[in-house]
Protein backbone atom coordinates (compact mmCIF):
# COMPACT_ATOMS: atom_id res chain seq x y z
CA MET A 1 -64.61 24.80 -44.20
CA TYR A 2 -67.32 27.44 -44.24
CA GLY A 3 -65.02 29.96 -45.99
CA ASP A 4 -64.26 27.41 -48.66
CA LEU A 5 -67.91 26.82 -49.25
CA LEU A 6 -68.62 30.49 -49.41
CA ALA A 7 -65.71 31.06 -51.83
CA ARG A 8 -67.00 28.31 -54.11
CA GLY A 9 -70.41 29.89 -54.17
CA THR A 10 -72.10 26.86 -52.55
CA ILE A 11 -73.65 29.09 -49.93
CA ARG A 12 -74.74 32.58 -50.04
CA GLU A 13 -72.91 35.46 -48.41
CA GLY A 14 -75.87 36.25 -46.13
CA ASP A 15 -76.05 32.76 -44.71
CA GLU A 16 -74.69 32.32 -41.30
CA GLU A 17 -72.11 29.68 -40.46
CA PRO A 18 -73.76 26.97 -38.33
CA ASN A 19 -72.68 26.37 -34.84
CA ILE A 20 -71.79 22.71 -34.74
CA GLY A 21 -69.21 23.01 -31.99
CA PRO A 22 -69.56 19.74 -30.13
CA PHE A 23 -70.32 17.76 -33.31
CA MET A 24 -67.27 18.96 -35.22
CA ILE A 25 -65.47 15.97 -34.03
CA TYR A 26 -67.82 13.66 -35.80
CA ILE A 27 -67.52 15.60 -39.01
CA GLU A 28 -63.77 15.35 -38.87
CA GLN A 29 -63.97 11.64 -38.16
CA PHE A 30 -66.34 11.17 -41.03
CA PHE A 31 -64.17 12.96 -43.47
CA GLU A 32 -61.25 10.84 -42.41
CA LEU A 33 -63.33 7.76 -43.03
CA ASP A 34 -64.48 9.24 -46.33
CA THR A 35 -60.98 8.39 -47.63
CA CYS A 36 -61.58 4.69 -47.25
CA ARG A 37 -64.13 4.46 -50.19
CA GLY A 38 -63.13 1.74 -52.71
CA GLY A 39 -62.87 2.31 -56.36
CA LEU A 40 -64.19 5.47 -58.36
CA ALA A 41 -67.81 4.72 -57.83
CA ASN A 42 -69.93 6.39 -55.05
CA ASN A 43 -69.78 3.31 -52.79
CA PRO A 44 -70.68 3.49 -49.09
CA ILE A 45 -67.84 3.34 -46.39
CA SER A 46 -67.62 -0.37 -45.44
CA PHE A 47 -68.64 -1.54 -41.95
CA THR A 48 -65.13 -2.93 -41.50
CA ASP A 49 -63.43 0.48 -42.13
CA ILE A 50 -65.80 2.25 -39.59
CA TYR A 51 -65.27 -0.54 -37.14
CA ASN A 52 -61.43 -0.48 -37.53
CA PHE A 53 -61.53 3.32 -37.24
CA ALA A 54 -63.60 3.09 -34.00
CA MET A 55 -61.26 0.51 -32.50
CA ILE A 56 -58.18 2.62 -33.25
CA LYS A 57 -59.77 5.76 -31.86
CA GLU A 58 -61.08 3.77 -28.90
CA ILE A 59 -64.65 4.91 -29.40
CA GLU A 60 -66.68 3.42 -26.60
CA GLU A 61 -70.25 3.76 -28.04
CA PHE A 62 -69.69 1.96 -31.32
CA ASP A 63 -73.42 1.49 -32.17
CA ASP A 64 -74.03 5.21 -31.86
CA PHE A 65 -70.80 6.10 -33.91
CA LEU A 66 -71.88 3.50 -36.61
CA TYR A 67 -75.34 5.05 -36.80
CA LEU A 68 -73.90 8.58 -37.14
CA MET A 69 -71.28 7.66 -39.63
CA ARG A 70 -73.86 5.75 -41.80
CA ARG A 71 -76.26 8.86 -41.62
CA LEU A 72 -73.44 11.09 -42.79
CA ASP A 73 -72.44 8.69 -45.46
CA ASN A 74 -75.96 8.50 -46.85
CA ILE A 75 -76.23 12.22 -47.05
CA ILE A 76 -72.88 12.71 -48.77
CA MET A 77 -73.64 9.83 -51.27
CA LYS A 78 -77.01 11.37 -52.19
CA TYR A 79 -75.24 14.76 -52.61
CA ARG A 80 -72.60 13.29 -54.86
CA ASP A 81 -75.09 11.21 -56.98
CA LYS A 82 -77.12 14.36 -57.62
CA LYS A 83 -73.95 16.34 -58.48
CA ASN A 84 -72.87 13.59 -60.88
CA ASP A 85 -76.37 13.48 -62.50
CA ASN A 86 -76.35 17.19 -62.91
CA SER A 87 -72.82 17.05 -64.34
CA ASN A 88 -73.69 14.21 -66.77
CA LYS A 89 -76.77 16.07 -67.91
CA ASN A 90 -74.71 19.28 -68.59
CA HIS A 91 -71.97 17.30 -70.39
CA LYS A 92 -74.57 15.57 -72.61
CA SER A 93 -76.36 18.79 -73.49
CA SER A 94 -73.10 20.39 -74.47
CA SER A 95 -72.17 17.56 -76.91
């Protein structure tokens, strides 16, 4: 993942890869849930999808899991909205 970001120029070569060791499982779970978004719009992941995922994975602390997934979802949606806004501005200026 870090190597992909570096290759795309999203991060600079001098930046160090963050050590998120014990949290990596949550990142992986979030990106699995990210595939549940409905439609082409930047919609939040539904509560039902998060709940069903937690039940399938037998996650015991659902409230904590829900909070974490919502926080990650909000960050990703803001990033995608900003990226789309910039893309639309660039597209309009080249027309």
